[in-house]
């Protein structure tokens, strides 16, 4: 069974990480796009039916690793602050539409032969967008919103890419763990 894809950007987006990294995101609009790390449970059950441009003729296990992604969440969750990983801050994006358009524009300039999309992750059922947008039901508390890009032509090795979209201080704020409050 395939899930319905949620393309409607949420009211706010959140990114939890170390303060230094998020401060660069706020002031420079700097974000690191990472090769996708598929959810093993969903990857094993993934079908080859994906919405273009994310459909691939490659086996799913190889195709799912052929994405660059930027993961955020659509929920404020104090449990996502994690001393073990050094996550002590949250970047709160108040204008997700503007943010999303700037992210996609920056990637198009840097990687012109890539296709991009953003949508909510599907939990427990296969997303029509494929394994990159699918996770097991146990991860549903993450409430993840994923930006993903894949090359039009296949490439053998995917490396992280850093993009800058300029200051996002007019559309976002940075909160440290010490200032946790419900939003």
N, C-alpha and C. Protein backbone atom coordinates (compact mmCIF):
# COMPACT_ATOMS: atom_id res chain seq x y z
N UNK A 1 0.83 -1.17 0.00
CA UNK A 1 0.00 0.00 0.00
C UNK A 1 0.88 1.25 0.00
N UNK A 2 0.53 2.23 -0.82
CA UNK A 2 1.27 3.48 -0.88
C UNK A 2 0.55 4.56 -0.08
N UNK A 3 1.35 5.42 0.52
CA UNK A 3 0.81 6.54 1.28
C UNK A 3 0.46 7.69 0.35
N UNK A 4 -0.36 8.59 0.84
CA UNK A 4 -0.65 9.84 0.14
C UNK A 4 0.49 10.79 0.47
N UNK A 5 1.01 11.48 -0.53
CA UNK A 5 2.14 12.38 -0.32
C UNK A 5 1.64 13.74 0.18
N UNK A 6 2.25 14.21 1.28
CA UNK A 6 1.92 15.51 1.83
C UNK A 6 2.94 16.52 1.32
N UNK A 7 2.54 17.34 0.35
CA UNK A 7 3.42 18.36 -0.22
C UNK A 7 3.21 19.73 0.43
N UNK A 8 2.15 19.87 1.21
CA UNK A 8 1.81 21.16 1.83
C UNK A 8 2.80 21.43 2.96
N UNK A 9 3.67 22.43 2.73
CA UNK A 9 4.67 22.74 3.76
C UNK A 9 3.97 23.14 5.05
N UNK A 10 4.53 22.68 6.18
CA UNK A 10 3.90 23.00 7.47
C UNK A 10 4.03 24.48 7.83
N UNK A 11 3.36 24.89 8.90
CA UNK A 11 3.40 26.28 9.37
C UNK A 11 4.80 26.70 9.77
N UNK A 12 5.55 25.77 10.36
CA UNK A 12 6.93 26.02 10.79
C UNK A 12 7.76 24.77 10.53
N UNK A 13 9.05 24.99 10.34
CA UNK A 13 10.00 23.88 10.23
C UNK A 13 11.04 24.07 11.33
N UNK A 14 11.58 22.95 11.81
CA UNK A 14 12.55 22.98 12.90
C UNK A 14 13.75 22.14 12.52
N UNK A 15 14.92 22.62 12.90
CA UNK A 15 16.16 21.87 12.68
C UNK A 15 16.92 21.87 14.00
N UNK A 16 17.16 20.69 14.54
CA UNK A 16 17.86 20.52 15.81
C UNK A 16 19.30 20.13 15.53
N UNK A 17 20.24 20.83 16.19
CA UNK A 17 21.65 20.53 15.99
C UNK A 17 22.48 21.29 17.02
N UNK A 18 23.77 21.35 16.76
CA UNK A 18 24.68 22.12 17.61
C UNK A 18 24.52 23.60 17.28
N UNK A 19 24.67 24.43 18.31
CA UNK A 19 24.48 25.87 18.17
C UNK A 19 25.35 26.46 17.05
N UNK A 20 26.63 26.10 17.01
CA UNK A 20 27.56 26.67 16.03
C UNK A 20 27.09 26.41 14.60
N UNK A 21 26.62 25.22 14.35
CA UNK A 21 26.14 24.86 13.01
C UNK A 21 24.87 25.64 12.65
N UNK A 22 23.96 25.71 13.60
CA UNK A 22 22.70 26.42 13.34
C UNK A 22 22.88 27.92 13.25
N UNK A 23 23.87 28.45 13.95
CA UNK A 23 24.16 29.88 13.84
C UNK A 23 24.61 30.22 12.42
N UNK A 24 25.41 29.35 11.82
CA UNK A 24 25.82 29.54 10.41
C UNK A 24 24.60 29.43 9.48
N UNK A 25 23.70 28.53 9.82
CA UNK A 25 22.47 28.41 9.02
C UNK A 25 21.66 29.68 9.08
N UNK A 26 21.54 30.26 10.27
CA UNK A 26 20.75 31.48 10.44
C UNK A 26 21.39 32.68 9.76
N UNK A 27 22.68 32.89 9.97
CA UNK A 27 23.33 34.10 9.48
C UNK A 27 23.77 34.01 8.02
N UNK A 28 24.19 32.83 7.57
CA UNK A 28 24.67 32.67 6.19
C UNK A 28 23.71 31.88 5.30
N UNK A 29 22.73 31.24 5.93
CA UNK A 29 21.87 30.35 5.17
C UNK A 29 22.63 29.12 4.72
N UNK A 30 23.55 28.67 5.55
CA UNK A 30 24.40 27.53 5.18
C UNK A 30 23.77 26.22 5.64
N UNK A 31 23.63 25.30 4.69
CA UNK A 31 23.07 23.99 4.98
C UNK A 31 23.89 22.93 4.25
N UNK A 32 24.04 21.80 4.90
CA UNK A 32 24.80 20.68 4.33
C UNK A 32 23.81 19.63 3.85
N UNK A 33 23.86 19.35 2.56
CA UNK A 33 23.03 18.32 1.96
C UNK A 33 23.80 17.01 2.04
N UNK A 34 23.17 15.99 2.60
CA UNK A 34 23.85 14.73 2.84
C UNK A 34 23.27 13.61 1.98
N UNK A 35 24.10 12.64 1.60
CA UNK A 35 23.56 11.46 0.92
C UNK A 35 22.52 10.81 1.83
N UNK A 36 21.43 10.35 1.23
CA UNK A 36 20.34 9.80 2.03
C UNK A 36 20.77 8.53 2.75
N UNK A 37 20.22 8.38 3.93
CA UNK A 37 20.44 7.19 4.74
C UNK A 37 19.08 6.52 4.91
N UNK A 38 18.80 5.51 4.12
CA UNK A 38 17.45 4.93 4.14
C UNK A 38 17.14 4.19 5.43
N UNK A 39 15.87 4.19 5.77
CA UNK A 39 15.36 3.39 6.87
C UNK A 39 15.39 1.94 6.40
N UNK A 40 16.12 1.10 7.08
CA UNK A 40 16.34 -0.28 6.63
C UNK A 40 15.04 -1.05 6.48
N UNK A 41 14.11 -0.88 7.41
CA UNK A 41 12.84 -1.61 7.35
C UNK A 41 12.07 -1.24 6.09
N UNK A 42 11.98 0.05 5.80
CA UNK A 42 11.22 0.48 4.63
C UNK A 42 11.96 0.17 3.35
N UNK A 43 13.30 0.22 3.37
CA UNK A 43 14.05 -0.08 2.16
C UNK A 43 13.81 -1.51 1.73
N UNK A 44 13.71 -2.43 2.68
CA UNK A 44 13.50 -3.84 2.35
C UNK A 44 12.14 -4.06 1.73
N UNK A 45 11.15 -3.24 2.10
CA UNK A 45 9.81 -3.44 1.55
C UNK A 45 9.48 -2.48 0.42
N UNK A 46 10.46 -1.67 0.00
CA UNK A 46 10.20 -0.65 -1.02
C UNK A 46 9.87 -1.28 -2.37
N UNK A 47 8.91 -0.67 -3.04
CA UNK A 47 8.57 -1.12 -4.39
C UNK A 47 9.29 -0.23 -5.39
N UNK A 48 9.29 -0.60 -6.62
CA UNK A 48 9.93 0.19 -7.66
C UNK A 48 9.03 1.29 -8.19
N UNK A 49 7.81 1.40 -7.68
CA UNK A 49 6.87 2.40 -8.16
C UNK A 49 7.08 3.71 -7.42
N UNK A 50 7.70 4.66 -8.06
CA UNK A 50 7.96 5.96 -7.47
C UNK A 50 7.52 7.04 -8.44
N UNK A 51 7.18 8.18 -7.88
CA UNK A 51 6.80 9.31 -8.70
C UNK A 51 8.05 9.89 -9.36
N UNK A 52 7.96 10.22 -10.65
CA UNK A 52 9.07 10.88 -11.33
C UNK A 52 9.26 12.26 -10.73
N UNK A 53 10.43 12.82 -10.64
CA UNK A 53 11.70 12.37 -11.18
C UNK A 53 12.46 11.44 -10.26
N UNK A 54 11.79 10.88 -9.28
CA UNK A 54 12.49 10.05 -8.32
C UNK A 54 12.41 8.56 -8.64
N UNK A 55 11.73 8.21 -9.74
CA UNK A 55 11.71 6.82 -10.16
C UNK A 55 13.07 6.46 -10.72
N UNK A 56 13.50 5.27 -10.43
CA UNK A 56 14.81 4.83 -10.89
C UNK A 56 14.70 3.43 -11.48
N UNK A 57 15.50 3.18 -12.50
CA UNK A 57 15.53 1.85 -13.07
C UNK A 57 16.48 0.94 -12.30
N UNK A 58 17.24 1.53 -11.37
CA UNK A 58 18.17 0.75 -10.55
C UNK A 58 17.40 0.01 -9.47
N UNK A 59 17.98 -1.05 -8.93
CA UNK A 59 17.36 -1.69 -7.78
C UNK A 59 17.22 -0.67 -6.65
N UNK A 60 16.18 -0.81 -5.85
CA UNK A 60 15.87 0.19 -4.83
C UNK A 60 17.02 0.43 -3.87
N UNK A 61 17.76 -0.60 -3.48
CA UNK A 61 18.83 -0.42 -2.51
C UNK A 61 19.92 0.51 -3.06
N UNK A 62 20.18 0.47 -4.35
CA UNK A 62 21.17 1.37 -4.94
C UNK A 62 20.58 2.74 -5.20
N UNK A 63 19.32 2.78 -5.65
CA UNK A 63 18.69 4.05 -6.02
C UNK A 63 18.50 4.95 -4.81
N UNK A 64 18.14 4.37 -3.66
CA UNK A 64 17.84 5.19 -2.50
C UNK A 64 19.07 5.94 -2.02
N UNK A 65 20.25 5.47 -2.29
CA UNK A 65 21.47 6.14 -1.85
C UNK A 65 21.91 7.21 -2.82
N UNK A 66 21.16 7.44 -3.87
CA UNK A 66 21.53 8.37 -4.91
C UNK A 66 20.80 9.71 -4.76
N UNK A 67 20.61 10.14 -3.52
CA UNK A 67 19.94 11.39 -3.22
C UNK A 67 20.82 12.25 -2.32
N UNK A 68 20.68 13.56 -2.44
CA UNK A 68 21.20 14.48 -1.43
C UNK A 68 19.98 15.00 -0.69
N UNK A 69 20.05 15.05 0.63
CA UNK A 69 18.88 15.41 1.40
C UNK A 69 19.19 16.45 2.47
N UNK A 70 18.15 17.15 2.85
CA UNK A 70 18.17 18.07 3.99
C UNK A 70 16.93 17.74 4.80
N UNK A 71 17.14 17.30 6.02
CA UNK A 71 16.04 16.85 6.87
C UNK A 71 15.73 17.87 7.95
N UNK A 72 14.46 18.19 8.09
CA UNK A 72 13.97 19.05 9.17
C UNK A 72 12.78 18.32 9.79
N UNK A 73 12.19 18.91 10.78
CA UNK A 73 10.98 18.34 11.36
C UNK A 73 9.91 19.41 11.36
N UNK A 74 8.66 18.97 11.43
CA UNK A 74 7.58 19.94 11.43
C UNK A 74 6.96 20.09 12.82
N UNK A 75 7.73 19.71 13.86
CA UNK A 75 7.21 19.80 15.22
C UNK A 75 8.28 20.21 16.22
N UNK A 76 7.88 21.03 17.17
CA UNK A 76 8.74 21.37 18.30
C UNK A 76 8.72 20.17 19.24
N UNK A 77 9.90 19.64 19.58
CA UNK A 77 9.96 18.47 20.44
C UNK A 77 11.22 18.55 21.29
N UNK A 78 11.05 18.82 22.57
CA UNK A 78 12.19 18.96 23.47
C UNK A 78 13.02 17.69 23.56
N UNK A 79 12.42 16.54 23.23
CA UNK A 79 13.16 15.27 23.26
C UNK A 79 14.25 15.22 22.18
N UNK A 80 14.17 16.11 21.19
CA UNK A 80 15.17 16.12 20.13
C UNK A 80 16.45 16.84 20.53
N UNK A 81 16.44 17.51 21.69
CA UNK A 81 17.69 18.02 22.24
C UNK A 81 18.40 16.81 22.84
N UNK A 82 19.67 16.62 22.50
CA UNK A 82 20.35 15.39 22.90
C UNK A 82 21.77 15.70 23.33
N UNK A 83 22.03 15.58 24.60
CA UNK A 83 23.38 15.86 25.13
C UNK A 83 24.42 14.93 24.51
N UNK A 84 24.06 13.68 24.27
CA UNK A 84 25.02 12.70 23.73
C UNK A 84 25.55 13.11 22.36
N UNK A 85 24.70 13.73 21.54
CA UNK A 85 25.13 14.13 20.19
C UNK A 85 25.54 15.59 20.13
N UNK A 86 25.37 16.31 21.23
CA UNK A 86 25.71 17.73 21.24
C UNK A 86 24.61 18.63 20.72
N UNK A 87 23.44 18.07 20.47
CA UNK A 87 22.32 18.86 19.98
C UNK A 87 21.81 19.73 21.12
N UNK A 88 22.09 21.03 21.02
CA UNK A 88 21.74 21.95 22.10
C UNK A 88 20.89 23.12 21.63
N UNK A 89 20.51 23.14 20.35
CA UNK A 89 19.79 24.29 19.80
C UNK A 89 18.79 23.87 18.74
N UNK A 90 17.89 24.80 18.43
CA UNK A 90 16.89 24.55 17.41
C UNK A 90 16.73 25.79 16.54
N UNK A 91 16.81 25.60 15.25
CA UNK A 91 16.53 26.66 14.29
C UNK A 91 15.05 26.54 13.94
N UNK A 92 14.31 27.60 14.21
CA UNK A 92 12.87 27.60 13.95
C UNK A 92 12.62 28.46 12.71
N UNK A 93 12.10 27.85 11.68
CA UNK A 93 11.84 28.56 10.42
C UNK A 93 10.36 28.93 10.39
N UNK A 94 10.08 30.23 10.46
CA UNK A 94 8.71 30.72 10.53
C UNK A 94 8.06 30.89 9.16
N UNK A 95 8.86 30.91 8.12
CA UNK A 95 8.33 31.07 6.76
C UNK A 95 8.82 29.92 5.88
N UNK A 96 8.25 28.73 6.06
CA UNK A 96 8.71 27.56 5.31
C UNK A 96 8.59 27.69 3.79
N UNK A 97 7.58 28.40 3.30
CA UNK A 97 7.42 28.55 1.85
C UNK A 97 8.62 29.30 1.26
N UNK A 98 8.92 30.44 1.83
CA UNK A 98 10.05 31.24 1.36
C UNK A 98 11.36 30.47 1.52
N UNK A 99 11.53 29.82 2.65
CA UNK A 99 12.72 29.02 2.91
C UNK A 99 12.87 27.92 1.86
N UNK A 100 11.81 27.18 1.61
CA UNK A 100 11.85 26.08 0.64
C UNK A 100 12.21 26.55 -0.76
N UNK A 101 11.63 27.67 -1.17
CA UNK A 101 11.94 28.19 -2.50
C UNK A 101 13.40 28.62 -2.60
N UNK A 102 13.92 29.23 -1.56
CA UNK A 102 15.33 29.64 -1.58
C UNK A 102 16.27 28.44 -1.59
N UNK A 103 15.92 27.41 -0.84
CA UNK A 103 16.74 26.19 -0.82
C UNK A 103 16.77 25.57 -2.22
N UNK A 104 15.61 25.39 -2.82
CA UNK A 104 15.55 24.77 -4.15
C UNK A 104 16.28 25.63 -5.20
N UNK A 105 16.13 26.94 -5.12
CA UNK A 105 16.83 27.83 -6.06
C UNK A 105 18.35 27.70 -5.93
N UNK A 106 18.85 27.64 -4.71
CA UNK A 106 20.29 27.52 -4.49
C UNK A 106 20.83 26.20 -5.02
N UNK A 107 20.08 25.12 -4.82
CA UNK A 107 20.53 23.82 -5.32
C UNK A 107 20.49 23.79 -6.84
N UNK A 108 19.45 24.40 -7.44
CA UNK A 108 19.38 24.45 -8.91
C UNK A 108 20.58 25.18 -9.50
N UNK A 109 21.04 26.24 -8.83
CA UNK A 109 22.22 26.96 -9.32
C UNK A 109 23.48 26.12 -9.20
N UNK A 110 23.62 25.44 -8.08
CA UNK A 110 24.82 24.65 -7.81
C UNK A 110 24.82 23.32 -8.56
N UNK A 111 23.66 22.71 -8.68
CA UNK A 111 23.52 21.38 -9.30
C UNK A 111 22.41 21.45 -10.36
N UNK A 112 22.69 22.08 -11.50
CA UNK A 112 21.63 22.34 -12.48
C UNK A 112 21.00 21.09 -13.10
N UNK A 113 21.70 19.98 -13.10
CA UNK A 113 21.17 18.76 -13.71
C UNK A 113 20.61 17.80 -12.67
N UNK A 114 20.02 18.38 -11.63
CA UNK A 114 19.41 17.59 -10.57
C UNK A 114 17.94 17.97 -10.46
N UNK A 115 17.13 17.02 -10.03
CA UNK A 115 15.71 17.26 -9.77
C UNK A 115 15.48 17.27 -8.26
N UNK A 116 14.65 18.19 -7.78
CA UNK A 116 14.41 18.29 -6.35
C UNK A 116 12.94 18.31 -5.99
N UNK A 117 12.67 17.88 -4.79
CA UNK A 117 11.31 17.87 -4.27
C UNK A 117 11.39 17.91 -2.75
N UNK A 118 10.34 18.41 -2.11
CA UNK A 118 10.27 18.30 -0.66
C UNK A 118 8.87 17.88 -0.27
N UNK A 119 8.80 17.06 0.78
CA UNK A 119 7.52 16.52 1.24
C UNK A 119 7.70 15.90 2.62
N UNK A 120 6.59 15.58 3.22
CA UNK A 120 6.62 14.90 4.51
C UNK A 120 7.05 13.44 4.31
N UNK A 121 7.77 12.93 5.28
CA UNK A 121 8.13 11.51 5.29
C UNK A 121 6.87 10.71 5.59
N UNK A 122 6.76 9.56 4.95
CA UNK A 122 5.66 8.64 5.20
C UNK A 122 6.14 7.57 6.17
N UNK A 123 5.39 7.34 7.24
CA UNK A 123 5.80 6.39 8.28
C UNK A 123 4.93 5.14 8.25
N UNK A 124 5.57 4.00 8.14
CA UNK A 124 4.86 2.73 8.21
C UNK A 124 4.29 2.23 6.89
N UNK A 125 4.20 3.09 5.90
CA UNK A 125 3.75 2.70 4.56
C UNK A 125 4.68 3.34 3.53
N UNK A 126 4.81 2.71 2.41
CA UNK A 126 5.70 3.18 1.36
C UNK A 126 5.19 4.49 0.74
N UNK A 127 6.06 5.49 0.67
CA UNK A 127 5.71 6.75 0.01
C UNK A 127 5.77 6.55 -1.50
N UNK A 128 4.88 7.17 -2.25
CA UNK A 128 4.98 7.12 -3.72
C UNK A 128 6.29 7.76 -4.22
N UNK A 129 6.94 8.57 -3.37
CA UNK A 129 8.21 9.18 -3.75
C UNK A 129 9.38 8.23 -3.55
N UNK A 130 9.13 7.06 -3.00
CA UNK A 130 10.18 6.05 -2.86
C UNK A 130 10.76 5.95 -1.47
N UNK A 131 11.78 5.12 -1.35
CA UNK A 131 12.37 4.78 -0.06
C UNK A 131 12.98 5.98 0.65
N UNK A 132 13.47 6.97 -0.06
CA UNK A 132 14.05 8.14 0.59
C UNK A 132 13.01 8.88 1.43
N UNK A 133 11.73 8.76 1.07
CA UNK A 133 10.65 9.44 1.77
C UNK A 133 9.82 8.48 2.62
N UNK A 134 10.38 7.31 2.91
CA UNK A 134 9.67 6.29 3.68
C UNK A 134 10.49 5.85 4.88
N UNK A 135 9.82 5.77 6.03
CA UNK A 135 10.46 5.27 7.24
C UNK A 135 9.50 4.35 7.97
N UNK A 136 10.05 3.54 8.86
CA UNK A 136 9.21 2.62 9.61
C UNK A 136 8.34 3.37 10.62
N UNK A 137 7.27 2.72 11.02
CA UNK A 137 6.30 3.31 11.94
C UNK A 137 6.94 3.72 13.27
N UNK A 138 7.99 3.02 13.69
CA UNK A 138 8.67 3.34 14.95
C UNK A 138 9.29 4.73 14.94
N UNK A 139 9.54 5.31 13.79
CA UNK A 139 10.16 6.63 13.68
C UNK A 139 9.15 7.76 13.51
N UNK A 140 7.88 7.47 13.64
CA UNK A 140 6.83 8.46 13.38
C UNK A 140 6.94 9.70 14.27
N UNK A 141 7.53 9.56 15.45
CA UNK A 141 7.67 10.72 16.34
C UNK A 141 8.62 11.78 15.78
N UNK A 142 9.40 11.44 14.75
CA UNK A 142 10.32 12.40 14.15
C UNK A 142 9.59 13.48 13.35
N UNK A 143 8.44 13.17 12.81
CA UNK A 143 7.63 14.13 12.03
C UNK A 143 8.50 14.89 11.03
N UNK A 144 9.21 14.14 10.24
CA UNK A 144 10.25 14.69 9.37
C UNK A 144 9.70 15.28 8.08
N UNK A 145 10.29 16.40 7.71
CA UNK A 145 10.05 17.03 6.41
C UNK A 145 11.36 16.94 5.66
N UNK A 146 11.35 16.37 4.47
CA UNK A 146 12.58 16.10 3.75
C UNK A 146 12.65 16.87 2.44
N UNK A 147 13.78 17.54 2.23
CA UNK A 147 14.13 18.11 0.93
C UNK A 147 15.09 17.10 0.30
N UNK A 148 14.84 16.71 -0.93
CA UNK A 148 15.70 15.71 -1.57
C UNK A 148 15.95 16.08 -3.02
N UNK A 149 17.16 15.77 -3.48
CA UNK A 149 17.55 16.01 -4.87
C UNK A 149 18.27 14.78 -5.38
N UNK A 150 18.08 14.51 -6.66
CA UNK A 150 18.81 13.41 -7.30
C UNK A 150 19.28 13.85 -8.67
N UNK A 151 20.42 13.30 -9.09
CA UNK A 151 20.94 13.69 -10.40
C UNK A 151 20.08 13.10 -11.52
N UNK A 152 19.98 13.84 -12.61
CA UNK A 152 19.25 13.35 -13.78
C UNK A 152 20.01 12.16 -14.38
N UNK A 153 21.32 12.29 -14.45
CA UNK A 153 22.19 11.19 -14.90
C UNK A 153 22.76 10.50 -13.68
N UNK A 154 22.86 9.19 -13.73
CA UNK A 154 23.38 8.42 -12.61
C UNK A 154 24.84 8.77 -12.33
N UNK A 155 25.18 8.87 -11.06
CA UNK A 155 26.57 9.06 -10.66
C UNK A 155 26.92 7.96 -9.66
N UNK A 156 28.20 7.61 -9.61
CA UNK A 156 28.60 6.46 -8.81
C UNK A 156 28.83 6.77 -7.34
N UNK A 157 29.28 7.96 -7.01
CA UNK A 157 29.59 8.26 -5.63
C UNK A 157 28.95 9.58 -5.23
N UNK A 158 28.19 9.55 -4.18
CA UNK A 158 27.50 10.74 -3.71
C UNK A 158 28.28 11.34 -2.55
N UNK A 159 28.61 12.63 -2.66
CA UNK A 159 29.34 13.35 -1.62
C UNK A 159 28.44 14.44 -1.03
N UNK A 160 28.63 14.79 0.25
CA UNK A 160 27.87 15.91 0.82
C UNK A 160 28.17 17.20 0.06
N UNK A 161 27.21 18.10 0.05
CA UNK A 161 27.33 19.39 -0.62
C UNK A 161 26.86 20.47 0.36
N UNK A 162 27.62 21.56 0.45
CA UNK A 162 27.22 22.68 1.29
C UNK A 162 26.67 23.78 0.39
N UNK A 163 25.48 24.28 0.75
CA UNK A 163 24.88 25.39 0.01
C UNK A 163 24.72 26.57 0.96
N UNK A 164 24.65 27.76 0.38
CA UNK A 164 24.36 28.97 1.14
C UNK A 164 23.25 29.72 0.42
N UNK A 165 22.23 30.10 1.19
CA UNK A 165 21.10 30.81 0.60
C UNK A 165 21.02 32.25 1.11
N UNK A 166 22.04 32.69 1.83
CA UNK A 166 22.02 34.02 2.43
C UNK A 166 21.28 34.00 3.75
N UNK A 167 21.44 35.05 4.49
CA UNK A 167 20.84 35.15 5.82
C UNK A 167 19.35 34.81 5.79
N UNK A 168 18.92 34.06 6.78
CA UNK A 168 17.49 33.76 6.92
C UNK A 168 16.95 34.35 8.23
N UNK A 169 17.66 35.35 8.75
CA UNK A 169 17.26 35.96 10.03
C UNK A 169 15.88 36.61 9.96
N UNK A 170 15.44 37.01 8.78
CA UNK A 170 14.11 37.62 8.66
C UNK A 170 12.99 36.59 8.68
N UNK A 171 13.32 35.32 8.56
CA UNK A 171 12.29 34.28 8.53
C UNK A 171 12.48 33.19 9.56
N UNK A 172 13.53 33.31 10.39
CA UNK A 172 13.83 32.24 11.33
C UNK A 172 14.42 32.80 12.62
N UNK A 173 14.49 31.95 13.63
CA UNK A 173 15.14 32.30 14.89
C UNK A 173 15.88 31.07 15.41
N UNK A 174 16.84 31.33 16.28
CA UNK A 174 17.65 30.26 16.85
C UNK A 174 17.41 30.23 18.35
N UNK A 175 17.07 29.06 18.87
CA UNK A 175 16.86 28.90 20.31
C UNK A 175 17.81 27.85 20.85
N UNK A 176 18.39 28.19 22.00
CA UNK A 176 19.25 27.24 22.71
C UNK A 176 18.39 26.40 23.64
N UNK A 177 18.91 25.23 23.97
CA UNK A 177 18.18 24.31 24.85
C UNK A 177 17.75 24.98 26.15
N UNK A 178 18.58 25.86 26.68
CA UNK A 178 18.26 26.53 27.94
C UNK A 178 16.97 27.35 27.85
N UNK A 179 16.55 27.71 26.61
CA UNK A 179 15.36 28.52 26.44
C UNK A 179 14.19 27.71 25.90
N UNK A 180 14.20 26.41 26.17
CA UNK A 180 13.12 25.56 25.68
C UNK A 180 11.79 26.03 26.22
N UNK A 181 10.87 26.23 25.32
CA UNK A 181 9.49 26.53 25.71
C UNK A 181 8.58 25.99 24.62
N UNK A 182 7.41 25.64 24.97
CA UNK A 182 6.47 25.13 23.97
C UNK A 182 6.14 26.23 22.98
N UNK A 183 6.00 25.83 21.76
CA UNK A 183 5.65 26.79 20.69
C UNK A 183 4.29 26.47 20.12
